[in-house]
Amino acid sequence: MRFNLFEPRIDAHIRKAQDYLNEANLARLEHQVAAEHHAALAKMYAERAARLEMEINSALQRSLNARPRSEDAKEPPERAPADAAPLYPLNPARNTRA
C-alpha cells in the first residue's frame, strides 16, 4: 500500500460530509422545536390580548352605562372614600390593608 499525499482522500471527504449532514439535521430539528414553541406562545398571547380587549370593552361599557344621561345632572357621581382600599379587578384576592 502506497501513501499518496496529493491524491484526494474520498473516505475522509465522505466522513466530513456525513458530519455536516448530521449537524444540519440536528439544527433543523432544533429550529423546528423552537418554531413550535413560538407558535404556541403566539397563540397564547393572541388569546390573552382578546381576553384583555373584552375586559376593557366591558369596563368601558359599564362606565358609559353608569354615567348620567344629561350633562346638567344635579348630583355628581359618588366617589369612594379616601381611606378605601383601591380595587384590583385582575386580582380580587389582593388585600392592600395591613
PDB file of N, CA and C in Angstrom:
ATOM      1  N   MET A   1       0.843  -1.174   0.000  1.00  0.00           N
ATOM      2  CA  MET A   1       0.000   0.000   0.000  1.00  0.00           C
ATOM      3  C   MET A   1       0.887   1.235   0.000  1.00  0.00           C
ATOM      4  N   ARG A   2       0.559   2.124  -0.858  1.00  0.00           N
ATOM      5  CA  ARG A   2       1.324   3.347  -1.035  1.00  0.00           C
ATOM      6  C   ARG A   2       0.672   4.527  -0.326  1.00  0.00           C
ATOM      7  N   PHE A   3       1.489   5.410   0.163  1.00  0.00           N
ATOM      8  CA  PHE A   3       0.992   6.645   0.759  1.00  0.00           C
ATOM      9  C   PHE A   3       1.033   7.727  -0.307  1.00  0.00           C
ATOM     10  N   ASN A   4      -0.150   8.192  -0.706  1.00  0.00           N
ATOM     11  CA  ASN A   4      -0.244   9.232  -1.746  1.00  0.00           C
ATOM     12  C   ASN A   4      -0.731  10.536  -1.109  1.00  0.00           C
ATOM     13  N   LEU A   5       0.172  11.459  -0.950  1.00  0.00           N
ATOM     14  CA  LEU A   5      -0.121  12.721  -0.297  1.00  0.00           C
ATOM     15  C   LEU A   5      -1.000  13.624  -1.143  1.00  0.00           C
ATOM     16  N   PHE A   6      -0.838  13.566  -2.466  1.00  0.00           N
ATOM     17  CA  PHE A   6      -1.527  14.513  -3.330  1.00  0.00           C
ATOM     18  C   PHE A   6      -2.780  13.949  -3.991  1.00  0.00           C
ATOM     19  N   GLU A   7      -3.170  12.769  -3.672  1.00  0.00           N
ATOM     20  CA  GLU A   7      -4.398  12.202  -4.226  1.00  0.00           C
ATOM     21  C   GLU A   7      -5.547  12.507  -3.277  1.00  0.00           C
ATOM     22  N   PRO A   8      -6.724  12.713  -3.820  1.00  0.00           N
ATOM     23  CA  PRO A   8      -7.864  13.008  -2.946  1.00  0.00           C
ATOM     24  C   PRO A   8      -8.230  11.800  -2.094  1.00  0.00           C
ATOM     25  N   ARG A   9      -8.590  12.090  -0.861  1.00  0.00           N
ATOM     26  CA  ARG A   9      -8.988  11.015   0.057  1.00  0.00           C
ATOM     27  C   ARG A   9     -10.510  10.995   0.119  1.00  0.00           C
ATOM     28  N   ILE A  10     -11.097  10.099  -0.615  1.00  0.00           N
ATOM     29  CA  ILE A  10     -12.547  10.014  -0.732  1.00  0.00           C
ATOM     30  C   ILE A  10     -13.193   9.666   0.599  1.00  0.00           C
ATOM     31  N   ASP A  11     -12.613   8.740   1.342  1.00  0.00           N
ATOM     32  CA  ASP A  11     -13.223   8.323   2.603  1.00  0.00           C
ATOM     33  C   ASP A  11     -13.278   9.476   3.614  1.00  0.00           C
ATOM     34  N   ALA A  12     -12.252  10.313   3.666  1.00  0.00           N
ATOM     35  CA  ALA A  12     -12.256  11.460   4.581  1.00  0.00           C
ATOM     36  C   ALA A  12     -13.321  12.468   4.160  1.00  0.00           C
ATOM     37  N   HIS A  13     -13.461  12.670   2.872  1.00  0.00           N
ATOM     38  CA  HIS A  13     -14.464  13.600   2.357  1.00  0.00           C
ATOM     39  C   HIS A  13     -15.877  13.099   2.700  1.00  0.00           C
ATOM     40  N   ILE A  14     -16.113  11.828   2.537  1.00  0.00           N
ATOM     41  CA  ILE A  14     -17.425  11.251   2.840  1.00  0.00           C
ATOM     42  C   ILE A  14     -17.730  11.363   4.332  1.00  0.00           C
ATOM     43  N   ARG A  15     -16.737  11.084   5.175  1.00  0.00           N
ATOM     44  CA  ARG A  15     -16.945  11.214   6.624  1.00  0.00           C
ATOM     45  C   ARG A  15     -17.268  12.653   7.012  1.00  0.00           C
ATOM     46  N   LYS A  16     -16.564  13.614   6.413  1.00  0.00           N
ATOM     47  CA  LYS A  16     -16.804  15.027   6.723  1.00  0.00           C
ATOM     48  C   LYS A  16     -18.192  15.446   6.241  1.00  0.00           C
ATOM     49  N   ALA A  17     -18.582  14.990   5.057  1.00  0.00           N
ATOM     50  CA  ALA A  17     -19.915  15.300   4.540  1.00  0.00           C
ATOM     51  C   ALA A  17     -20.992  14.691   5.428  1.00  0.00           C
ATOM     52  N   GLN A  18     -20.744  13.484   5.932  1.00  0.00           N
ATOM     53  CA  GLN A  18     -21.699  12.844   6.847  1.00  0.00           C
ATOM     54  C   GLN A  18     -21.826  13.643   8.143  1.00  0.00           C
ATOM     55  N   ASP A  19     -20.706  14.163   8.655  1.00  0.00           N
ATOM     56  CA  ASP A  19     -20.742  15.010   9.851  1.00  0.00           C
ATOM     57  C   ASP A  19     -21.565  16.272   9.588  1.00  0.00           C
ATOM     58  N   TYR A  20     -21.371  16.895   8.429  1.00  0.00           N
ATOM     59  CA  TYR A  20     -22.129  18.092   8.075  1.00  0.00           C
ATOM     60  C   TYR A  20     -23.621  17.779   7.943  1.00  0.00           C
ATOM     61  N   LEU A  21     -23.935  16.628   7.379  1.00  0.00           N
ATOM     62  CA  LEU A  21     -25.331  16.221   7.234  1.00  0.00           C
ATOM     63  C   LEU A  21     -25.979  16.023   8.605  1.00  0.00           C
ATOM     64  N   ASN A  22     -25.286  15.356   9.504  1.00  0.00           N
ATOM     65  CA  ASN A  22     -25.818  15.150  10.858  1.00  0.00           C
ATOM     66  C   ASN A  22     -26.022  16.485  11.573  1.00  0.00           C
ATOM     67  N   GLU A  23     -25.075  17.392  11.418  1.00  0.00           N
ATOM     68  CA  GLU A  23     -25.172  18.711  12.037  1.00  0.00           C
ATOM     69  C   GLU A  23     -26.364  19.486  11.474  1.00  0.00           C
ATOM     70  N   ALA A  24     -26.558  19.407  10.159  1.00  0.00           N
ATOM     71  CA  ALA A  24     -27.674  20.101   9.522  1.00  0.00           C
ATOM     72  C   ALA A  24     -29.011  19.527   9.992  1.00  0.00           C
ATOM     73  N   ASN A  25     -29.105  18.214  10.101  1.00  0.00           N
ATOM     74  CA  ASN A  25     -30.348  17.605  10.582  1.00  0.00           C
ATOM     75  C   ASN A  25     -30.640  17.980  12.026  1.00  0.00           C
ATOM     76  N   LEU A  26     -29.625  18.036  12.857  1.00  0.00           N
ATOM     77  CA  LEU A  26     -29.810  18.438  14.245  1.00  0.00           C
ATOM     78  C   LEU A  26     -30.264  19.895  14.333  1.00  0.00           C
ATOM     79  N   ALA A  27     -29.645  20.774  13.551  1.00  0.00           N
ATOM     80  CA  ALA A  27     -30.044  22.190  13.549  1.00  0.00           C
ATOM     81  C   ALA A  27     -31.484  22.339  13.055  1.00  0.00           C
ATOM     82  N   ARG A  28     -31.873  21.571  12.032  1.00  0.00           N
ATOM     83  CA  ARG A  28     -33.243  21.620  11.528  1.00  0.00           C
ATOM     84  C   ARG A  28     -34.227  21.215  12.615  1.00  0.00           C
ATOM     85  N   LEU A  29     -33.907  20.149  13.337  1.00  0.00           N
ATOM     86  CA  LEU A  29     -34.772  19.673  14.406  1.00  0.00           C
ATOM     87  C   LEU A  29     -34.888  20.708  15.529  1.00  0.00           C
ATOM     88  N   GLU A  30     -33.772  21.312  15.917  1.00  0.00           N
ATOM     89  CA  GLU A  30     -33.792  22.334  16.960  1.00  0.00           C
ATOM     90  C   GLU A  30     -34.653  23.523  16.555  1.00  0.00           C
ATOM     91  N   HIS A  31     -34.526  23.952  15.298  1.00  0.00           N
ATOM     92  CA  HIS A  31     -35.317  25.088  14.835  1.00  0.00           C
ATOM     93  C   HIS A  31     -36.797  24.727  14.704  1.00  0.00           C
ATOM     94  N   GLN A  32     -37.085  23.505  14.354  1.00  0.00           N
ATOM     95  CA  GLN A  32     -38.474  23.067  14.272  1.00  0.00           C
ATOM     96  C   GLN A  32     -39.117  23.079  15.659  1.00  0.00           C
ATOM     97  N   VAL A  33     -38.401  22.605  16.653  1.00  0.00           N
ATOM     98  CA  VAL A  33     -38.911  22.625  18.031  1.00  0.00           C
ATOM     99  C   VAL A  33     -39.113  24.068  18.497  1.00  0.00           C
ATOM    100  N   ALA A  34     -38.149  24.933  18.190  1.00  0.00           N
ATOM    101  CA  ALA A  34     -38.279  26.342  18.575  1.00  0.00           C
ATOM    102  C   ALA A  34     -39.471  26.988  17.873  1.00  0.00           C
ATOM    103  N   ALA A  35     -39.704  26.644  16.617  1.00  0.00           N
ATOM    104  CA  ALA A  35     -40.843  27.198  15.883  1.00  0.00           C
ATOM    105  C   ALA A  35     -42.163  26.758  16.510  1.00  0.00           C
ATOM    106  N   GLU A  36     -42.257  25.509  16.927  1.00  0.00           N
ATOM    107  CA  GLU A  36     -43.471  25.031  17.589  1.00  0.00           C
ATOM    108  C   GLU A  36     -43.684  25.769  18.914  1.00  0.00           C
ATOM    109  N   HIS A  37     -42.609  25.998  19.638  1.00  0.00           N
ATOM    110  CA  HIS A  37     -42.692  26.726  20.907  1.00  0.00           C
ATOM    111  C   HIS A  37     -43.184  28.153  20.669  1.00  0.00           C
ATOM    112  N   HIS A  38     -42.611  28.826  19.670  1.00  0.00           N
ATOM    113  CA  HIS A  38     -43.010  30.204  19.381  1.00  0.00           C
ATOM    114  C   HIS A  38     -44.437  30.275  18.864  1.00  0.00           C
ATOM    115  N   ALA A  39     -44.869  29.280  18.106  1.00  0.00           N
ATOM    116  CA  ALA A  39     -46.256  29.259  17.635  1.00  0.00           C
ATOM    117  C   ALA A  39     -47.209  29.123  18.819  1.00  0.00           C
ATOM    118  N   ALA A  40     -46.861  28.295  19.788  1.00  0.00           N
ATOM    119  CA  ALA A  40     -47.697  28.147  20.981  1.00  0.00           C
ATOM    120  C   ALA A  40     -47.741  29.454  21.777  1.00  0.00           C
ATOM    121  N   LEU A  41     -46.593  30.125  21.894  1.00  0.00           N
ATOM    122  CA  LEU A  41     -46.569  31.412  22.588  1.00  0.00           C
ATOM    123  C   LEU A  41     -47.411  32.447  21.862  1.00  0.00           C
ATOM    124  N   ALA A  42     -47.321  32.487  20.540  1.00  0.00           N
ATOM    125  CA  ALA A  42     -48.105  33.443  19.760  1.00  0.00           C
ATOM    126  C   ALA A  42     -49.594  33.205  19.963  1.00  0.00           C
ATOM    127  N   LYS A  43     -50.015  31.948  19.988  1.00  0.00           N
ATOM    128  CA  LYS A  43     -51.425  31.624  20.221  1.00  0.00           C
ATOM    129  C   LYS A  43     -51.848  32.064  21.615  1.00  0.00           C
ATOM    130  N   MET A  44     -50.996  31.794  22.614  1.00  0.00           N
ATOM    131  CA  MET A  44     -51.315  32.173  23.988  1.00  0.00           C
ATOM    132  C   MET A  44     -51.472  33.688  24.108  1.00  0.00           C
ATOM    133  N   TYR A  45     -50.553  34.456  23.517  1.00  0.00           N
ATOM    134  CA  TYR A  45     -50.631  35.909  23.606  1.00  0.00           C
ATOM    135  C   TYR A  45     -51.818  36.465  22.827  1.00  0.00           C
ATOM    136  N   ALA A  46     -52.195  35.838  21.733  1.00  0.00           N
ATOM    137  CA  ALA A  46     -53.383  36.267  20.987  1.00  0.00           C
ATOM    138  C   ALA A  46     -54.631  36.071  21.844  1.00  0.00           C
ATOM    139  N   GLU A  47     -54.719  34.931  22.536  1.00  0.00           N
ATOM    140  CA  GLU A  47     -55.858  34.685  23.424  1.00  0.00           C
ATOM    141  C   GLU A  47     -55.866  35.669  24.587  1.00  0.00           C
ATOM    142  N   ARG A  48     -54.693  35.967  25.114  1.00  0.00           N
ATOM    143  CA  ARG A  48     -54.599  36.925  26.221  1.00  0.00           C
ATOM    144  C   ARG A  48     -55.038  38.313  25.766  1.00  0.00           C
ATOM    145  N   ALA A  49     -54.596  38.729  24.589  1.00  0.00           N
ATOM    146  CA  ALA A  49     -54.987  40.038  24.068  1.00  0.00           C
ATOM    147  C   ALA A  49     -56.500  40.104  23.873  1.00  0.00           C
ATOM    148  N   ALA A  50     -57.094  39.030  23.376  1.00  0.00           N
ATOM    149  CA  ALA A  50     -58.547  39.007  23.185  1.00  0.00           C
ATOM    150  C   ALA A  50     -59.273  39.126  24.529  1.00  0.00           C
ATOM    151  N   ARG A  51     -58.789  38.400  25.557  1.00  0.00           N
ATOM    152  CA  ARG A  51     -59.406  38.492  26.879  1.00  0.00           C
ATOM    153  C   ARG A  51     -59.294  39.905  27.445  1.00  0.00           C
ATOM    154  N   LEU A  52     -58.119  40.520  27.301  1.00  0.00           N
ATOM    155  CA  LEU A  52     -57.934  41.869  27.821  1.00  0.00           C
ATOM    156  C   LEU A  52     -58.803  42.879  27.076  1.00  0.00           C
ATOM    157  N   GLU A  53     -58.933  42.722  25.762  1.00  0.00           N
ATOM    158  CA  GLU A  53     -59.810  43.615  24.993  1.00  0.00           C
ATOM    159  C   GLU A  53     -61.257  43.473  25.447  1.00  0.00           C
ATOM    160  N   MET A  54     -61.705  42.243  25.698  1.00  0.00           N
ATOM    161  CA  MET A  54     -63.074  42.041  26.183  1.00  0.00           C
ATOM    162  C   MET A  54     -63.260  42.683  27.552  1.00  0.00           C
ATOM    163  N   GLU A  55     -62.255  42.541  28.422  1.00  0.00           N
ATOM    164  CA  GLU A  55     -62.349  43.139  29.751  1.00  0.00           C
ATOM    165  C   GLU A  55     -62.402  44.657  29.671  1.00  0.00           C
ATOM    166  N   ILE A  56     -61.580  45.243  28.830  1.00  0.00           N
ATOM    167  CA  ILE A  56     -61.579  46.705  28.662  1.00  0.00           C
ATOM    168  C   ILE A  56     -62.900  47.175  28.089  1.00  0.00           C
ATOM    169  N   ASN A  57     -63.379  46.501  27.046  1.00  0.00           N
ATOM    170  CA  ASN A  57     -64.650  46.893  26.438  1.00  0.00           C
ATOM    171  C   ASN A  57     -65.799  46.759  27.431  1.00  0.00           C
ATOM    172  N   SER A  58     -65.780  45.704  28.228  1.00  0.00           N
ATOM    173  CA  SER A  58     -66.820  45.509  29.235  1.00  0.00           C
ATOM    174  C   SER A  58     -66.769  46.623  30.279  1.00  0.00           C
ATOM    175  N   ALA A  59     -65.574  46.967  30.741  1.00  0.00           N
ATOM    176  CA  ALA A  59     -65.432  48.030  31.737  1.00  0.00           C
ATOM    177  C   ALA A  59     -65.866  49.371  31.167  1.00  0.00           C
ATOM    178  N   LEU A  60     -65.503  49.650  29.920  1.00  0.00           N
ATOM    179  CA  LEU A  60     -65.921  50.903  29.285  1.00  0.00           C
ATOM    180  C   LEU A  60     -67.432  50.946  29.134  1.00  0.00           C
ATOM    181  N   GLN A  61     -68.025  49.824  28.744  1.00  0.00           N
ATOM    182  CA  GLN A  61     -69.473  49.770  28.584  1.00  0.00           C
ATOM    183  C   GLN A  61     -70.178  50.012  29.918  1.00  0.00           C
ATOM    184  N   ARG A  62     -69.658  49.397  30.986  1.00  0.00           N
ATOM    185  CA  ARG A  62     -70.253  49.606  32.315  1.00  0.00           C
ATOM    186  C   ARG A  62     -70.128  51.060  32.742  1.00  0.00           C
ATOM    187  N   SER A  63     -68.966  51.682  32.469  1.00  0.00           N
ATOM    188  CA  SER A  63     -68.787  53.072  32.887  1.00  0.00           C
ATOM    189  C   SER A  63     -69.668  54.003  32.063  1.00  0.00           C
ATOM    190  N   LEU A  64     -69.893  53.691  30.794  1.00  0.00           N
ATOM    191  CA  LEU A  64     -70.785  54.517  29.981  1.00  0.00           C
ATOM    192  C   LEU A  64     -72.229  54.374  30.441  1.00  0.00           C
ATOM    193  N   ASN A  65     -72.624  53.172  30.832  1.00  0.00           N
ATOM    194  CA  ASN A  65     -73.987  52.951  31.304  1.00  0.00           C
ATOM    195  C   ASN A  65     -74.216  53.563  32.681  1.00  0.00           C
ATOM    196  N   ALA A  66     -73.173  53.729  33.468  1.00  0.00           N
ATOM    197  CA  ALA A  66     -73.309  54.259  34.818  1.00  0.00           C
ATOM    198  C   ALA A  66     -73.368  55.780  34.834  1.00  0.00           C
ATOM    199  N   ARG A  67     -72.956  56.447  33.777  1.00  0.00           N
ATOM    200  CA  ARG A  67     -72.964  57.912  33.734  1.00  0.00           C
ATOM    201  C   ARG A  67     -74.390  58.435  33.584  1.00  0.00           C
ATOM    202  N   PRO A  68     -74.657  59.616  34.163  1.00  0.00           N
ATOM    203  CA  PRO A  68     -75.977  60.226  33.954  1.00  0.00           C
ATOM    204  C   PRO A  68     -76.151  60.599  32.482  1.00  0.00           C
ATOM    205  N   ARG A  69     -77.387  60.531  32.009  1.00  0.00           N
ATOM    206  CA  ARG A  69     -77.669  60.799  30.600  1.00  0.00           C
ATOM    207  C   ARG A  69     -77.509  62.272  30.250  1.00  0.00           C
ATOM    208  N   SER A  70     -77.920  63.171  31.121  1.00  0.00           N
ATOM    209  CA  SER A  70     -77.852  64.596  30.806  1.00  0.00           C
ATOM    210  C   SER A  70     -76.613  65.215  31.441  1.00  0.00           C
ATOM    211  N   GLU A  71     -76.139  66.258  30.799  1.00  0.00           N
ATOM    212  CA  GLU A  71     -74.952  66.950  31.307  1.00  0.00           C
ATOM    213  C   GLU A  71     -75.279  67.815  32.527  1.00  0.00           C
ATOM    214  N   ASP A  72     -76.550  68.189  32.686  1.00  0.00           N
ATOM    215  CA  ASP A  72     -76.921  69.057  33.798  1.00  0.00           C
ATOM    216  C   ASP A  72     -77.469  68.257  34.974  1.00  0.00           C
ATOM    217  N   ALA A  73     -76.875  67.134  35.258  1.00  0.00           N
ATOM    218  CA  ALA A  73     -77.305  66.304  36.390  1.00  0.00           C
ATOM    219  C   ALA A  73     -77.040  67.062  37.689  1.00  0.00           C
ATOM    220  N   LYS A  74     -77.976  66.953  38.639  1.00  0.00           N
ATOM    221  CA  LYS A  74     -77.883  67.686  39.904  1.00  0.00           C
ATOM    222  C   LYS A  74     -76.772  67.154  40.800  1.00  0.00           C
ATOM    223  N   GLU A  75     -76.651  65.826  40.912  1.00  0.00           N
ATOM    224  CA  GLU A  75     -75.688  65.243  41.843  1.00  0.00           C
ATOM    225  C   GLU A  75     -74.485  64.689  41.086  1.00  0.00           C
ATOM    226  N   PRO A  76     -73.275  64.986  41.580  1.00  0.00           N
ATOM    227  CA  PRO A  76     -72.100  64.371  40.948  1.00  0.00           C
ATOM    228  C   PRO A  76     -72.056  62.870  41.269  1.00  0.00           C
ATOM    229  N   PRO A  77     -71.395  62.086  40.455  1.00  0.00           N
ATOM    230  CA  PRO A  77     -71.311  60.654  40.748  1.00  0.00           C
ATOM    231  C   PRO A  77     -70.586  60.415  42.068  1.00  0.00           C
ATOM    232  N   GLU A  78     -70.983  59.330  42.744  1.00  0.00           N
ATOM    233  CA  GLU A  78     -70.377  59.006  44.033  1.00  0.00           C
ATOM    234  C   GLU A  78     -68.905  58.662  43.864  1.00  0.00           C
ATOM    235  N   ARG A  79     -68.123  59.077  44.857  1.00  0.00           N
ATOM    236  CA  ARG A  79     -66.702  58.739  44.854  1.00  0.00           C
ATOM    237  C   ARG A  79     -66.405  57.875  46.067  1.00  0.00           C
ATOM    238  N   ALA A  80     -65.404  57.028  45.920  1.00  0.00           N
ATOM    239  CA  ALA A  80     -65.006  56.171  47.032  1.00  0.00           C
ATOM    240  C   ALA A  80     -64.330  57.020  48.105  1.00  0.00           C
ATOM    241  N   PRO A  81     -64.536  56.680  49.382  1.00  0.00           N
ATOM    242  CA  PRO A  81     -63.852  57.428  50.450  1.00  0.00           C
ATOM    243  C   PRO A  81     -62.335  57.348  50.277  1.00  0.00           C
ATOM    244  N   ALA A  82     -61.643  58.352  50.793  1.00  0.00           N
ATOM    245  CA  ALA A  82     -60.190  58.429  50.623  1.00  0.00           C
ATOM    246  C   ALA A  82     -59.476  57.267  51.303  1.00  0.00           C
ATOM    247  N   ASP A  83     -60.059  56.728  52.384  1.00  0.00           N
ATOM    248  CA  ASP A  83     -59.383  55.641  53.093  1.00  0.00           C
ATOM    249  C   ASP A  83     -59.756  54.255  52.552  1.00  0.00           C
ATOM    250  N   ALA A  84     -60.554  54.196  51.500  1.00  0.00           N
ATOM    251  CA  ALA A  84     -60.956  52.897  50.935  1.00  0.00           C
ATOM    252  C   ALA A  84     -59.783  52.269  50.190  1.00  0.00           C
ATOM    253  N   ALA A  85     -59.732  50.961  50.242  1.00  0.00           N
ATOM    254  CA  ALA A  85     -58.667  50.234  49.538  1.00  0.00           C
ATOM    255  C   ALA A  85     -58.907  50.327  48.036  1.00  0.00           C
ATOM    256  N   PRO A  86     -57.858  50.485  47.246  1.00  0.00           N
ATOM    257  CA  PRO A  86     -58.041  50.530  45.792  1.00  0.00           C
ATOM    258  C   PRO A  86     -58.510  49.176  45.272  1.00  0.00           C
ATOM    259  N   LEU A  87     -59.221  49.197  44.163  1.00  0.00           N
ATOM    260  CA  LEU A  87     -59.728  47.973  43.560  1.00  0.00           C
ATOM    261  C   LEU A  87     -58.749  47.450  42.530  1.00  0.00           C
ATOM    262  N   TYR A  88     -58.563  46.155  42.525  1.00  0.00           N
ATOM    263  CA  TYR A  88     -57.703  45.488  41.554  1.00  0.00           C
ATOM    264  C   TYR A  88     -58.534  44.401  40.883  1.00  0.00           C
ATOM    265  N   PRO A  89     -59.216  44.729  39.782  1.00  0.00           N
ATOM    266  CA  PRO A  89     -60.126  43.750  39.170  1.00  0.00           C
ATOM    267  C   PRO A  89     -59.439  42.519  38.622  1.00  0.00           C
ATOM    268  N   LEU A  90     -58.161  42.591  38.295  1.00  0.00           N
ATOM    269  CA  LEU A  90     -57.482  41.431  37.745  1.00  0.00           C
ATOM    270  C   LEU A  90     -57.064  40.445  38.829  1.00  0.00           C
ATOM    271  N   ASN A  91     -57.019  40.892  40.083  1.00  0.00           N
ATOM    272  CA  ASN A  91     -56.646  40.024  41.190  1.00  0.00           C
ATOM    273  C   ASN A  91     -57.506  40.363  42.395  1.00  0.00           C
ATOM    274  N   PRO A  92     -58.748  39.855  42.464  1.00  0.00           N
ATOM    275  CA  PRO A  92     -59.647  40.259  43.554  1.00  0.00           C
ATOM    276  C   PRO A  92     -59.206  39.760  44.929  1.00  0.00           C
ATOM    277  N   ALA A  93     -58.321  38.795  45.003  1.00  0.00           N
ATOM    278  CA  ALA A  93     -57.879  38.277  46.296  1.00  0.00           C
ATOM    279  C   ALA A  93     -56.842  39.192  46.953  1.00  0.00           C
ATOM    280  N   ARG A  94     -56.332  40.152  46.220  1.00  0.00           N
ATOM    281  CA  ARG A  94     -55.289  41.027  46.753  1.00  0.00           C
ATOM    282  C   ARG A  94     -55.877  41.959  47.807  1.00  0.00           C
ATOM    283  N   ASN A  95     -55.225  42.048  48.937  1.00  0.00           N
ATOM    284  CA  ASN A  95     -55.660  42.915  50.025  1.00  0.00           C
ATOM    285  C   ASN A  95     -54.521  43.847  50.366  1.00  0.00           C
ATOM    286  N   THR A  96     -54.749  45.159  50.217  1.00  0.00           N
ATOM    287  CA  THR A  96     -53.679  46.123  50.456  1.00  0.00           C
ATOM    288  C   THR A  96     -53.666  46.633  51.889  1.00  0.00           C
ATOM    289  N   ARG A  97     -54.696  46.328  52.664  1.00  0.00           N
ATOM    290  CA  ARG A  97     -54.711  46.795  54.051  1.00  0.00           C
ATOM    291  C   ARG A  97     -53.859  45.900  54.938  1.00  0.00           C
ATOM    292  N   ALA A  98     -53.154  46.533  55.865  1.00  0.00           N
ATOM    293  CA  ALA A  98     -52.293  45.752  56.766  1.00  0.00           C
ATOM    294  C   ALA A  98     -53.031  45.263  57.971  1.00  0.00           C
TER     295      ALA A  98
END
